[in-house]
Structures are given as C-alpha cells and as structure tokens.
Protein backbone atom coordinates (compact mmCIF):
# COMPACT_ATOMS: atom_id res chain seq x y z
CA UNK A 1 64.19 -73.10 -9.69
CA UNK A 2 62.93 -69.52 -9.73
CA UNK A 3 59.70 -68.77 -7.79
CA UNK A 4 57.10 -66.61 -9.53
CA UNK A 5 56.93 -63.07 -8.17
CA UNK A 6 53.63 -61.46 -7.02
CA UNK A 7 52.11 -58.83 -9.25
CA UNK A 8 53.08 -55.35 -8.11
CA UNK A 9 50.33 -52.74 -8.35
CA UNK A 10 51.00 -49.79 -10.59
CA UNK A 11 52.51 -46.87 -8.73
CA UNK A 12 50.32 -43.76 -8.54
CA UNK A 13 50.94 -41.06 -11.05
CA UNK A 14 52.45 -37.81 -9.79
CA UNK A 15 49.20 -35.90 -10.53
CA UNK A 16 47.21 -38.24 -8.30
CA UNK A 17 49.62 -37.66 -5.45
CA UNK A 18 49.25 -33.88 -5.80
CA UNK A 19 45.42 -33.87 -5.70
CA UNK A 20 44.06 -35.60 -2.57
CA UNK A 21 40.40 -36.55 -2.49
CA UNK A 22 38.15 -33.93 -0.91
CA UNK A 23 37.12 -34.49 2.67
CA UNK A 24 33.65 -34.10 4.20
CA UNK A 25 34.77 -30.78 5.71
CA UNK A 26 35.79 -29.51 2.26
CA UNK A 27 32.43 -30.46 0.80
CA UNK A 28 30.52 -28.67 3.56
CA UNK A 29 32.54 -25.51 2.92
CA UNK A 30 31.67 -25.40 -0.76
CA UNK A 31 29.23 -22.59 -1.70
CA UNK A 32 25.65 -23.68 -2.39
CA UNK A 33 23.54 -21.84 -4.95
CA UNK A 34 20.33 -20.44 -3.39
CA UNK A 35 17.16 -22.23 -4.35
CA UNK A 36 14.81 -20.21 -6.53
CA UNK A 37 11.52 -19.22 -4.95
CA UNK A 38 8.34 -20.64 -6.41
CA UNK A 39 7.27 -18.61 -9.39
CA UNK A 40 10.49 -16.62 -9.34
CA UNK A 41 9.00 -13.97 -7.05
CA UNK A 42 9.75 -13.03 -3.47
CA UNK A 43 7.20 -13.71 -0.80
CA UNK A 44 6.41 -10.00 -0.41
CA UNK A 45 5.99 -9.25 -4.11
CA UNK A 46 2.20 -9.51 -4.06
CA UNK A 47 -0.14 -6.56 -4.55
CA UNK A 48 -0.52 -3.98 -1.79
CA UNK A 49 -3.74 -4.60 0.18
CA UNK A 50 -6.44 -1.92 0.10
CA UNK A 51 -8.75 -0.84 2.91
CA UNK A 52 -11.84 1.27 2.22
CA UNK A 53 -12.97 3.73 4.89
CA UNK A 54 -16.54 5.04 4.72
CA UNK A 55 -17.15 7.97 7.04
CA UNK A 56 -19.89 10.55 7.47
CA UNK A 57 -17.58 13.18 8.98
CA UNK A 58 -13.91 14.14 9.27
CA UNK A 59 -12.01 11.44 11.13
CA UNK A 60 -10.41 12.42 14.41
CA UNK A 61 -6.83 11.45 15.28
CA UNK A 62 -8.12 8.68 17.58
CA UNK A 63 -10.12 7.22 14.68
CA UNK A 64 -7.17 7.16 12.29
CA UNK A 65 -4.84 5.81 15.00
CA UNK A 66 -7.19 2.89 15.59
CA UNK A 67 -7.68 2.12 11.89
CA UNK A 68 -3.96 2.15 11.13
CA UNK A 69 -3.15 0.06 14.22
CA UNK A 70 -5.53 -2.66 12.99
CA UNK A 71 -3.62 -3.08 9.72
CA UNK A 72 -0.13 -1.81 10.58
CA UNK A 73 1.74 -4.99 9.61
CA UNK A 74 0.07 -5.22 6.19
CA UNK A 75 0.97 -1.60 5.23
CA UNK A 76 -2.18 -1.16 3.10
CA UNK A 77 -3.37 1.80 1.07
CA UNK A 78 -6.58 3.53 2.15
CA UNK A 79 -9.52 4.73 0.06
CA UNK A 80 -11.77 7.19 1.90
CA UNK A 81 -15.42 7.69 0.89
CA UNK A 82 -17.46 10.60 2.27
CA UNK A 83 -21.12 10.91 1.23
CA UNK A 84 -22.59 14.36 0.58
CA UNK A 85 -25.64 14.19 2.82
CA UNK A 86 -28.01 16.22 0.64
CA UNK A 87 -31.06 14.01 1.22
CA UNK A 88 -31.05 13.46 4.96
CA UNK A 89 -34.03 11.78 6.62
CA UNK A 90 -35.16 14.63 8.90
CA UNK A 91 -37.20 12.47 11.30
CA UNK A 92 -34.43 9.89 11.63
CA UNK A 93 -31.82 12.58 12.30
CA UNK A 94 -34.09 14.22 14.87
CA UNK A 95 -34.60 10.94 16.75
CA UNK A 96 -30.91 10.08 16.62
CA UNK A 97 -29.91 13.37 18.24
CA UNK A 98 -32.77 13.15 20.71
CA UNK A 99 -31.67 9.69 21.84
CA UNK A 100 -28.26 11.18 22.70
CA UNK A 101 -29.84 14.12 24.54
CA UNK A 102 -28.46 16.49 21.91
CA UNK A 103 -31.36 18.95 22.02
CA UNK A 104 -29.82 21.74 19.98
CA UNK A 105 -28.64 19.35 17.25
CA UNK A 106 -32.05 17.68 17.24
CA UNK A 107 -33.80 20.99 16.53
CA UNK A 108 -31.23 21.98 13.90
CA UNK A 109 -31.68 18.64 12.11
CA UNK A 110 -35.28 19.61 11.32
CA UNK A 111 -34.11 22.40 9.02
CA UNK A 112 -34.18 21.64 5.27
CA UNK A 113 -30.84 20.44 3.92
CA UNK A 114 -28.74 22.98 2.00
CA UNK A 115 -27.29 20.95 -0.88
CA UNK A 116 -24.40 23.34 -1.49
CA UNK A 117 -23.51 23.35 2.19
CA UNK A 118 -23.73 19.55 2.31
CA UNK A 119 -21.18 19.21 -0.52
CA UNK A 120 -18.88 21.75 1.15
CA UNK A 121 -19.09 19.85 4.44
CA UNK A 122 -18.27 16.57 2.69
CA UNK A 123 -15.31 18.15 0.89
CA UNK A 124 -13.96 19.54 4.17
CA UNK A 125 -14.41 16.18 5.90
CA UNK A 126 -12.57 14.39 3.11
CA UNK A 127 -9.65 16.86 3.07
CA UNK A 128 -9.17 16.70 6.84
CA UNK A 129 -9.39 12.91 6.87
CA UNK A 130 -6.82 12.50 4.10
CA UNK A 131 -4.49 14.94 5.85
CA UNK A 132 -4.79 12.88 9.04
CA UNK A 133 -3.87 9.68 7.20
CA UNK A 134 -0.96 11.40 5.45
CA UNK A 135 0.39 12.57 8.81
CA UNK A 136 0.90 8.87 9.57
CA UNK A 137 2.96 8.43 6.37
CA UNK A 138 0.45 6.09 4.73
CA UNK A 139 -1.02 6.28 1.23
CA UNK A 140 -4.62 7.53 1.21
CA UNK A 141 -6.93 8.76 -1.54
CA UNK A 142 -10.62 9.55 -1.50
CA UNK A 143 -13.76 10.89 -3.10
CA UNK A 144 -17.18 12.31 -2.29
CA UNK A 145 -20.11 10.01 -3.04
CA UNK A 146 -23.83 10.55 -3.48
CA UNK A 147 -26.30 10.52 -0.61
CA UNK A 148 -26.36 6.73 -0.69
CA UNK A 149 -22.71 5.56 -0.64
CA UNK A 150 -23.50 1.88 -1.27
CA UNK A 151 -23.21 1.90 -5.10
CA UNK A 152 -19.81 3.62 -4.95
CA UNK A 153 -18.69 1.36 -2.10
CA UNK A 154 -19.53 -1.79 -4.07
CA UNK A 155 -17.70 -0.45 -7.14
CA UNK A 156 -14.58 0.51 -5.18
CA UNK A 157 -14.37 -2.84 -3.40
CA UNK A 158 -14.45 -4.60 -6.77
CA UNK A 159 -12.07 -2.15 -8.47
CA UNK A 160 -9.43 -2.22 -5.74
CA UNK A 161 -9.93 -5.80 -4.61
CA UNK A 162 -10.31 -4.36 -1.11
CA UNK A 163 -9.66 -6.71 1.79
CA UNK A 164 -11.80 -4.88 4.33
CA UNK A 165 -14.24 -2.00 4.77
CA UNK A 166 -14.21 0.24 7.84
CA UNK A 167 -17.39 2.24 8.48
CA UNK A 168 -17.09 5.19 10.87
CA UNK A 169 -20.29 6.92 12.07
CA UNK A 170 -21.85 8.56 15.06
CA UNK A 171 -24.27 6.31 16.99
CA UNK A 172 -27.61 6.24 15.15
CA UNK A 173 -30.37 4.86 17.36
CA UNK A 174 -32.88 4.26 14.58
CA UNK A 175 -30.56 2.83 11.92
CA UNK A 176 -28.49 0.76 14.36
CA UNK A 177 -31.59 -0.73 15.98
CA UNK A 178 -33.22 -1.74 12.71
CA UNK A 179 -29.94 -2.68 10.98
CA UNK A 180 -30.41 -0.16 8.19
CA UNK A 181 -27.09 1.55 8.93
CA UNK A 182 -24.26 1.58 6.39
CA UNK A 183 -22.31 -1.19 8.08
CA UNK A 184 -25.28 -3.57 8.13
CA UNK A 185 -26.07 -2.84 4.49
CA UNK A 186 -22.42 -3.27 3.50
CA UNK A 187 -22.23 -6.67 5.22
CA UNK A 188 -25.21 -7.82 3.16
CA UNK A 189 -23.87 -6.47 -0.15
CA UNK A 190 -20.15 -7.25 0.10
CA UNK A 191 -18.09 -10.40 0.46
CA UNK A 192 -15.40 -8.81 2.62
CA UNK A 193 -15.18 -8.10 6.37
CA UNK A 194 -16.93 -4.89 7.46
CA UNK A 195 -15.88 -3.19 10.70
CA UNK A 196 -18.19 -0.56 12.25
CA UNK A 197 -16.58 2.05 14.50
CA UNK A 198 -18.16 4.98 16.35
CA UNK A 199 -16.38 8.27 15.65
CA UNK A 200 -14.07 9.50 18.39
CA UNK A 201 -14.66 6.33 20.39
CA UNK A 202 -12.89 2.98 20.83
CA UNK A 203 -16.19 1.10 20.81
CA UNK A 204 -17.20 -1.03 17.85
CA UNK A 205 -20.70 -0.98 16.39
C-alpha cells in the first residue's frame, strides 16, 4: 500500500531569489525628502526690523557704536530724525547750560534763534550722522523734522513698524527733571520701547 506524500511547497521563482528583502541598514540609508517649513518660508524671511533714532545733534562714533551694538544680531535698518530747533525755549536752554557750568553756552543760548542757521545745523547733523552709520555698513536714511519732532516720530513708527526708538540728547536739567524731554514724551505716545542715551556718553537717561 502506498503512503500519501506530504505537500511540497512551491519553489521560489528565480526573480524572488534575485531580489532579497531590504534590511534595516538599507532602509536607513535611503534618502529622505526634507520637510517643508511652515508657510513655505524660511525662518529668516520676515521683514527687516527698523530702529528710529531721534537726535538733536550729529552723533559721535561712540554713539553709533553703542546703538549698533545693541541691535547687531537683528541687522536692522535705521531711520534718523533731526529736528530743526528754530523755536528753542531760551530760558530752558539757559538753565540747562548753567546746570552743566557751561557759562559761555548759557549766555549764547539767550540770543534769538536764527531760523536759517537752525536748518543748516540740522542738515549738517543729519549728514554727519548718516555718514557715521554708513561707515558701519548698515542701511540708514533720515530727515529733518519741525521744532517738535513728536508728530513725525509717531508717523514714522507707524509707517515703518519700528521695533524701537533711540533718543540721543545732551543732559537737560529742566526737561529731564520734569519728564518733558523727548524720551519721556515718546514713551507716553508710542507703544514701542524707547531708549534714552546721552550724547558722547555710555550713560542711559
């Protein structure tokens, strides 16, 4: 009597023998497509930040060095505003110079303001300040404002979406004491940080 034979599995096809299954090492070596960034934009594709600098005189190298050092990593553009001081408060100017023992300047401040000379001084201050910024290979533009720079400052902050305002002045005993200086007024009117620096000095106001 013949015994039944066990079923023999089908032999593998030649193609299956030639193509072994991929190993874990092979899978890890396969190239992976980079994931797309959110929104399809790189992290540094946002708008360039803007800093507004309000100054009453030409900035010195130490002033520009300090301003740029504060924002060096952000690589912002700078907008410089220089008021034409054609309507100076004579008594306030006299007391400011007197408080600093600047006798000659105190006496000179009592002279009536020459409007033409005031505009020329502001233009010179703006040109020298922009040249100082450009020597640091940063983008800087500017303009001369009216006696009261606040309206122009508010407009420029809104227009540029400025992130910060830097106010550079000489020490003013009267304005600083009674918080009527530009920096104090700017802090009340604007919703951005306002930094007050004294010209040619590393102190903050």
